[in-house]
Amino acid sequence: MAIIGIMDSGMGGLSVFREIRKALPSEHYIYYADNAHCPYGEKSPEYIRARLRAITDFFISRGAVAVVLACNTATAAAIESLRKEYDIPFVGMEPAVKPAALDTKTGVIGVLATAGTLKGSKYLNTKGRFEDHVKIVERVGRGFVELVEAGKLTGPEAEEVVKPALEPLLAEGCDRIVLGCTHYPFLLETLRKVAAELGHGDVEFIDPAPAVAKRLVQVLEGRKKGNDRGETELYASGDDAKLKEFYASL
């Protein structure tokens, strides 16, 4: 049985976990929400790397054979150093710029992400491969993470928060928008509603979570299969009540 650690700054990584669980339903998962230190978006790379070392040590102490960084900001800040420091595989978030660039009809794609992700080398390298072929417009989803952590996924407050980030992307002609933070897919209903109200009901939002699940399957190939019933342990650095409630709704 493979024990797999999955972490995020909060509950957003559950959007990745639900895809992983579909692909590998029989494994033993340990999900860690670092909600006492959330959000990561404005924190320094050094701070995030220190948090990731502590969380990785916790996973290894519990027997994890692989770790998923279900957080774009954490991936950008820490995955390369973690791979050098630890002798287990790490799977991180890949910016879904490529599928958006290949699928756009207008030649303009949007990226919604945290400030940390947009400044990270992983995203910048990916962007550099496609920006000569398509126009890439970026916006920070200010307040998005806080909405999800508070469980406010729909309604007037959520719409008021997402509109200032979404409206400029649509005004630029984006027909594909990459969700560059694992919290953001939980706001998909609100994003679609606001886009439709702004006259862009045909815009497509791209979630990279399925690709992460596929990569984890590849990483675990050849290892002992799961126990056929699956197990999940939930941990948080802060209050875990909302985490458990959110998990139960998946």
Protein backbone atom coordinates (compact mmCIF):
# COMPACT_ATOMS: atom_id res chain seq x y z
CA MET A 1 0.00 0.00 0.00
CA ALA A 2 1.39 3.38 -1.02
CA ILE A 3 1.06 6.21 1.47
CA ILE A 4 0.86 9.51 -0.39
CA GLY A 5 1.21 12.93 1.21
CA ILE A 6 -0.77 15.79 -0.31
CA MET A 7 -0.33 19.35 0.93
CA ASP A 8 -1.70 22.80 0.28
CA SER A 9 -1.74 26.11 2.09
CA GLY A 10 -5.35 25.31 2.94
CA MET A 11 -8.33 23.55 1.41
CA GLY A 12 -7.60 24.36 -2.23
CA GLY A 13 -5.53 21.21 -2.71
CA LEU A 14 -8.67 19.18 -2.20
CA SER A 15 -9.52 20.10 -5.81
CA VAL A 16 -6.42 18.13 -6.78
CA PHE A 17 -7.03 15.37 -4.26
CA ARG A 18 -10.48 14.59 -5.68
CA GLU A 19 -8.88 13.99 -9.11
CA ILE A 20 -6.13 11.86 -7.57
CA ARG A 21 -8.69 9.80 -5.70
CA LYS A 22 -10.56 9.13 -8.95
CA ALA A 23 -7.36 7.87 -10.57
CA LEU A 24 -6.05 5.97 -7.53
CA PRO A 25 -9.01 5.12 -5.30
CA SER A 26 -7.29 2.42 -3.25
CA GLU A 27 -4.29 4.26 -1.81
CA HIS A 28 -3.68 5.70 1.65
CA TYR A 29 -3.66 9.50 1.62
CA ILE A 30 -2.48 12.03 4.17
CA TYR A 31 -3.78 15.51 3.40
CA TYR A 32 -2.14 18.43 5.19
CA ALA A 33 -3.66 21.92 5.11
CA ASP A 34 -1.19 24.55 6.27
CA ASN A 35 -4.05 26.89 7.06
CA ALA A 36 -2.34 28.55 10.01
CA HIS A 37 0.04 30.05 7.41
CA CYS A 38 -2.49 30.61 4.60
CA PRO A 39 -2.42 32.27 2.12
CA TYR A 40 1.02 31.57 0.66
CA GLY A 41 0.65 33.97 -2.28
CA GLU A 42 2.34 37.00 -0.72
CA LYS A 43 4.87 35.13 1.45
CA SER A 44 8.55 34.86 0.61
CA PRO A 45 9.99 31.78 -1.12
CA GLU A 46 12.25 31.24 1.91
CA TYR A 47 9.28 31.16 4.26
CA ILE A 48 7.40 28.72 2.03
CA ARG A 49 10.41 26.43 1.67
CA ALA A 50 10.74 26.26 5.45
CA ARG A 51 7.09 25.29 5.76
CA LEU A 52 7.44 22.64 3.06
CA ARG A 53 10.43 21.05 4.78
CA ALA A 54 8.46 20.74 8.00
CA ILE A 55 5.45 19.27 6.19
CA THR A 56 7.61 16.87 4.17
CA ASP A 57 9.30 15.66 7.35
CA PHE A 58 5.83 15.00 8.79
CA PHE A 59 4.78 13.00 5.73
CA ILE A 60 7.96 10.93 5.81
CA SER A 61 7.51 10.22 9.52
CA ARG A 62 4.10 8.79 8.61
CA GLY A 63 5.59 6.56 5.88
CA ALA A 64 4.81 8.55 2.73
CA VAL A 65 6.49 7.30 -0.43
CA ALA A 66 5.55 10.32 -2.55
CA VAL A 67 4.45 13.89 -1.93
CA VAL A 68 2.08 16.00 -4.01
CA LEU A 69 2.42 19.77 -3.73
CA ALA A 70 -1.21 20.55 -4.52
CA CYS A 71 -0.41 24.25 -4.41
CA ASN A 72 0.92 26.31 -7.30
CA THR A 73 2.72 28.79 -5.06
CA ALA A 74 4.41 26.03 -3.06
CA THR A 75 5.45 24.27 -6.26
CA ALA A 76 6.96 27.46 -7.64
CA ALA A 77 8.86 28.25 -4.45
CA ALA A 78 9.99 24.86 -3.20
CA ILE A 79 9.74 21.83 -5.47
CA GLU A 80 13.24 22.05 -6.93
CA SER A 81 14.91 22.41 -3.53
CA LEU A 82 12.79 19.59 -2.08
CA ARG A 83 13.81 17.26 -4.89
CA LYS A 84 17.46 17.96 -4.07
CA GLU A 85 17.03 17.53 -0.32
CA TYR A 86 14.80 14.43 -0.14
CA ASP A 87 15.01 10.99 -1.69
CA ILE A 88 11.32 10.59 -2.52
CA PRO A 89 9.40 11.78 -5.58
CA PHE A 90 7.55 15.09 -5.54
CA VAL A 91 4.70 15.91 -7.92
CA GLY A 92 3.84 19.57 -8.31
CA MET A 93 1.39 21.76 -10.14
CA GLU A 94 2.12 22.49 -13.80
CA PRO A 95 0.86 25.80 -15.20
CA ALA A 96 -1.81 24.80 -17.74
CA VAL A 97 -0.65 27.39 -20.28
CA LYS A 98 0.04 24.81 -22.99
CA PRO A 99 -3.51 23.39 -23.31
CA ALA A 100 -4.93 26.91 -23.20
CA ALA A 101 -2.52 28.13 -25.87
CA LEU A 102 -3.22 25.18 -28.14
CA ASP A 103 -6.99 25.49 -27.79
CA THR A 104 -7.58 29.24 -27.99
CA LYS A 105 -9.58 30.58 -30.91
CA THR A 106 -8.94 34.26 -30.22
CA GLY A 107 -5.21 33.94 -29.70
CA VAL A 108 -5.54 35.44 -26.24
CA ILE A 109 -5.44 33.41 -23.02
CA GLY A 110 -5.76 34.46 -19.41
CA VAL A 111 -4.02 33.26 -16.28
CA LEU A 112 -5.55 33.69 -12.85
CA ALA A 113 -3.02 32.93 -10.12
CA THR A 114 -1.37 34.17 -6.95
CA ALA A 115 1.45 36.71 -7.09
CA GLY A 116 3.89 34.02 -5.98
CA THR A 117 2.96 31.70 -8.84
CA LEU A 118 3.18 34.43 -11.47
CA LYS A 119 6.72 35.30 -10.31
CA GLY A 120 7.89 31.67 -10.11
CA SER A 121 10.39 30.24 -12.59
CA LYS A 122 8.17 27.25 -13.44
CA TYR A 123 5.39 29.52 -14.67
CA LEU A 124 7.75 32.01 -16.34
CA ASN A 125 9.52 29.22 -18.23
CA THR A 126 6.22 27.79 -19.43
CA LYS A 127 4.96 31.23 -20.39
CA GLY A 128 8.15 31.89 -22.34
CA ARG A 129 7.54 28.90 -24.60
CA PHE A 130 4.16 30.19 -25.77
CA GLU A 131 4.07 33.97 -25.52
CA ASP A 132 5.42 34.38 -29.05
CA HIS A 133 2.39 32.51 -30.37
CA VAL A 134 -0.44 33.76 -28.15
CA LYS A 135 -1.09 36.81 -26.03
CA ILE A 136 -1.03 35.92 -22.32
CA VAL A 137 -2.88 38.19 -19.91
CA GLU A 138 -2.36 37.72 -16.16
CA ARG A 139 -4.31 38.72 -13.10
CA VAL A 140 -3.85 37.94 -9.41
CA GLY A 141 -7.01 36.46 -7.89
CA ARG A 142 -7.03 38.78 -4.90
CA GLY A 143 -9.31 37.47 -2.19
CA PHE A 144 -10.01 34.19 -4.00
CA VAL A 145 -8.13 31.99 -1.50
CA GLU A 146 -9.78 33.72 1.43
CA LEU A 147 -13.23 33.09 -0.06
CA VAL A 148 -12.58 29.36 -0.38
CA GLU A 149 -11.08 29.08 3.08
CA ALA A 150 -14.21 30.75 4.45
CA GLY A 151 -16.47 28.41 2.44
CA LYS A 152 -17.99 31.31 0.46
CA LEU A 153 -17.99 29.73 -2.98
CA THR A 154 -21.10 31.35 -4.46
CA GLY A 155 -23.31 34.34 -3.82
CA PRO A 156 -23.00 38.13 -4.09
CA GLU A 157 -19.84 38.40 -1.97
CA ALA A 158 -17.99 35.81 -4.05
CA GLU A 159 -19.12 37.49 -7.27
CA GLU A 160 -17.94 40.87 -6.02
CA VAL A 161 -14.50 39.47 -5.26
CA VAL A 162 -13.92 37.59 -8.54
CA LYS A 163 -15.26 40.24 -10.92
CA PRO A 164 -12.32 42.72 -10.68
CA ALA A 165 -9.85 39.97 -11.65
CA LEU A 166 -11.99 38.35 -14.30
CA GLU A 167 -13.33 41.41 -16.10
CA PRO A 168 -9.96 42.67 -17.48
CA LEU A 169 -9.14 39.22 -18.86
CA LEU A 170 -12.43 39.07 -20.75
CA ALA A 171 -12.02 42.65 -21.96
CA GLU A 172 -8.68 41.64 -23.53
CA GLY A 173 -10.42 38.87 -25.49
CA CYS A 174 -9.38 35.82 -23.48
CA ASP A 175 -11.41 32.75 -24.44
CA ARG A 176 -9.38 30.32 -22.30
CA ILE A 177 -8.49 31.11 -18.71
CA VAL A 178 -6.01 29.02 -16.73
CA LEU A 179 -6.82 28.51 -13.05
CA GLY A 180 -3.33 28.85 -11.62
CA CYS A 181 -4.19 28.19 -7.97
CA THR A 182 -5.76 25.01 -6.60
CA HIS A 183 -8.28 27.03 -4.58
CA TYR A 184 -9.74 28.60 -7.71
CA PRO A 185 -11.62 25.57 -9.15
CA PHE A 186 -13.91 25.72 -6.13
CA LEU A 187 -15.04 29.13 -7.42
CA LEU A 188 -15.80 27.79 -10.90
CA GLU A 189 -19.57 28.22 -10.60
CA THR A 190 -19.11 31.86 -9.62
CA LEU A 191 -16.50 32.49 -12.31
CA ARG A 192 -18.80 31.10 -14.99
CA LYS A 193 -21.75 33.13 -13.71
CA VAL A 194 -19.80 36.39 -13.69
CA ALA A 195 -18.33 35.67 -17.13
CA ALA A 196 -21.82 35.05 -18.53
CA GLU A 197 -23.13 38.26 -16.99
CA LEU A 198 -20.26 40.11 -18.68
CA GLY A 199 -21.28 38.62 -22.04
CA HIS A 200 -18.64 35.88 -22.19
CA GLY A 201 -20.56 32.73 -21.35
CA ASP A 202 -18.46 30.72 -23.81
CA VAL A 203 -15.13 31.25 -22.03
CA GLU A 204 -13.47 28.03 -20.84
CA PHE A 205 -11.65 27.71 -17.52
CA ILE A 206 -8.80 25.20 -17.42
CA ASP A 207 -8.08 23.22 -14.26
CA PRO A 208 -4.65 21.48 -14.19
CA ALA A 209 -5.66 18.95 -11.50
CA PRO A 210 -6.39 16.00 -13.86
CA ALA A 211 -2.88 16.31 -15.33
CA VAL A 212 -1.38 16.17 -11.82
CA ALA A 213 -3.33 13.00 -11.04
CA LYS A 214 -2.09 11.44 -14.28
CA ARG A 215 1.49 12.30 -13.38
CA LEU A 216 1.15 10.73 -9.94
CA VAL A 217 -0.11 7.51 -11.52
CA GLN A 218 3.06 7.45 -13.62
CA VAL A 219 5.28 8.11 -10.59
CA LEU A 220 3.70 5.25 -8.65
CA GLU A 221 3.80 2.79 -11.54
CA GLY A 222 5.28 -0.52 -10.46
CA ARG A 223 4.72 0.05 -6.77
CA LYS A 224 2.53 -2.18 -4.65
CA LYS A 225 -1.16 -1.55 -5.24
CA GLY A 226 -3.44 -0.05 -2.63
CA ASN A 227 -5.56 -1.87 -0.09
CA ASP A 228 -8.75 -1.78 -2.19
CA ARG A 229 -10.63 0.38 0.28
CA GLY A 230 -8.61 3.54 0.40
CA GLU A 231 -7.89 5.62 3.47
CA THR A 232 -7.59 9.35 4.08
CA GLU A 233 -6.09 11.16 7.04
CA LEU A 234 -6.71 14.90 7.40
CA TYR A 235 -4.37 17.25 9.24
CA ALA A 236 -4.15 21.03 9.55
CA SER A 237 -1.66 23.41 11.13
CA GLY A 238 -4.63 25.47 12.31
CA ASP A 239 -8.33 24.76 12.82
CA ASP A 240 -9.28 21.52 11.08
CA ALA A 241 -13.08 21.77 11.45
CA LYS A 242 -13.69 23.48 8.10
CA LEU A 243 -11.20 21.17 6.40
CA LYS A 244 -13.14 18.11 7.55
CA GLU A 245 -16.44 19.70 6.56
CA PHE A 246 -15.09 20.66 3.13
CA TYR A 247 -13.62 17.18 2.60
CA ALA A 248 -16.95 15.57 3.47
CA SER A 249 -18.62 17.57 0.70
CA LEU A 250 -16.30 16.27 -2.06
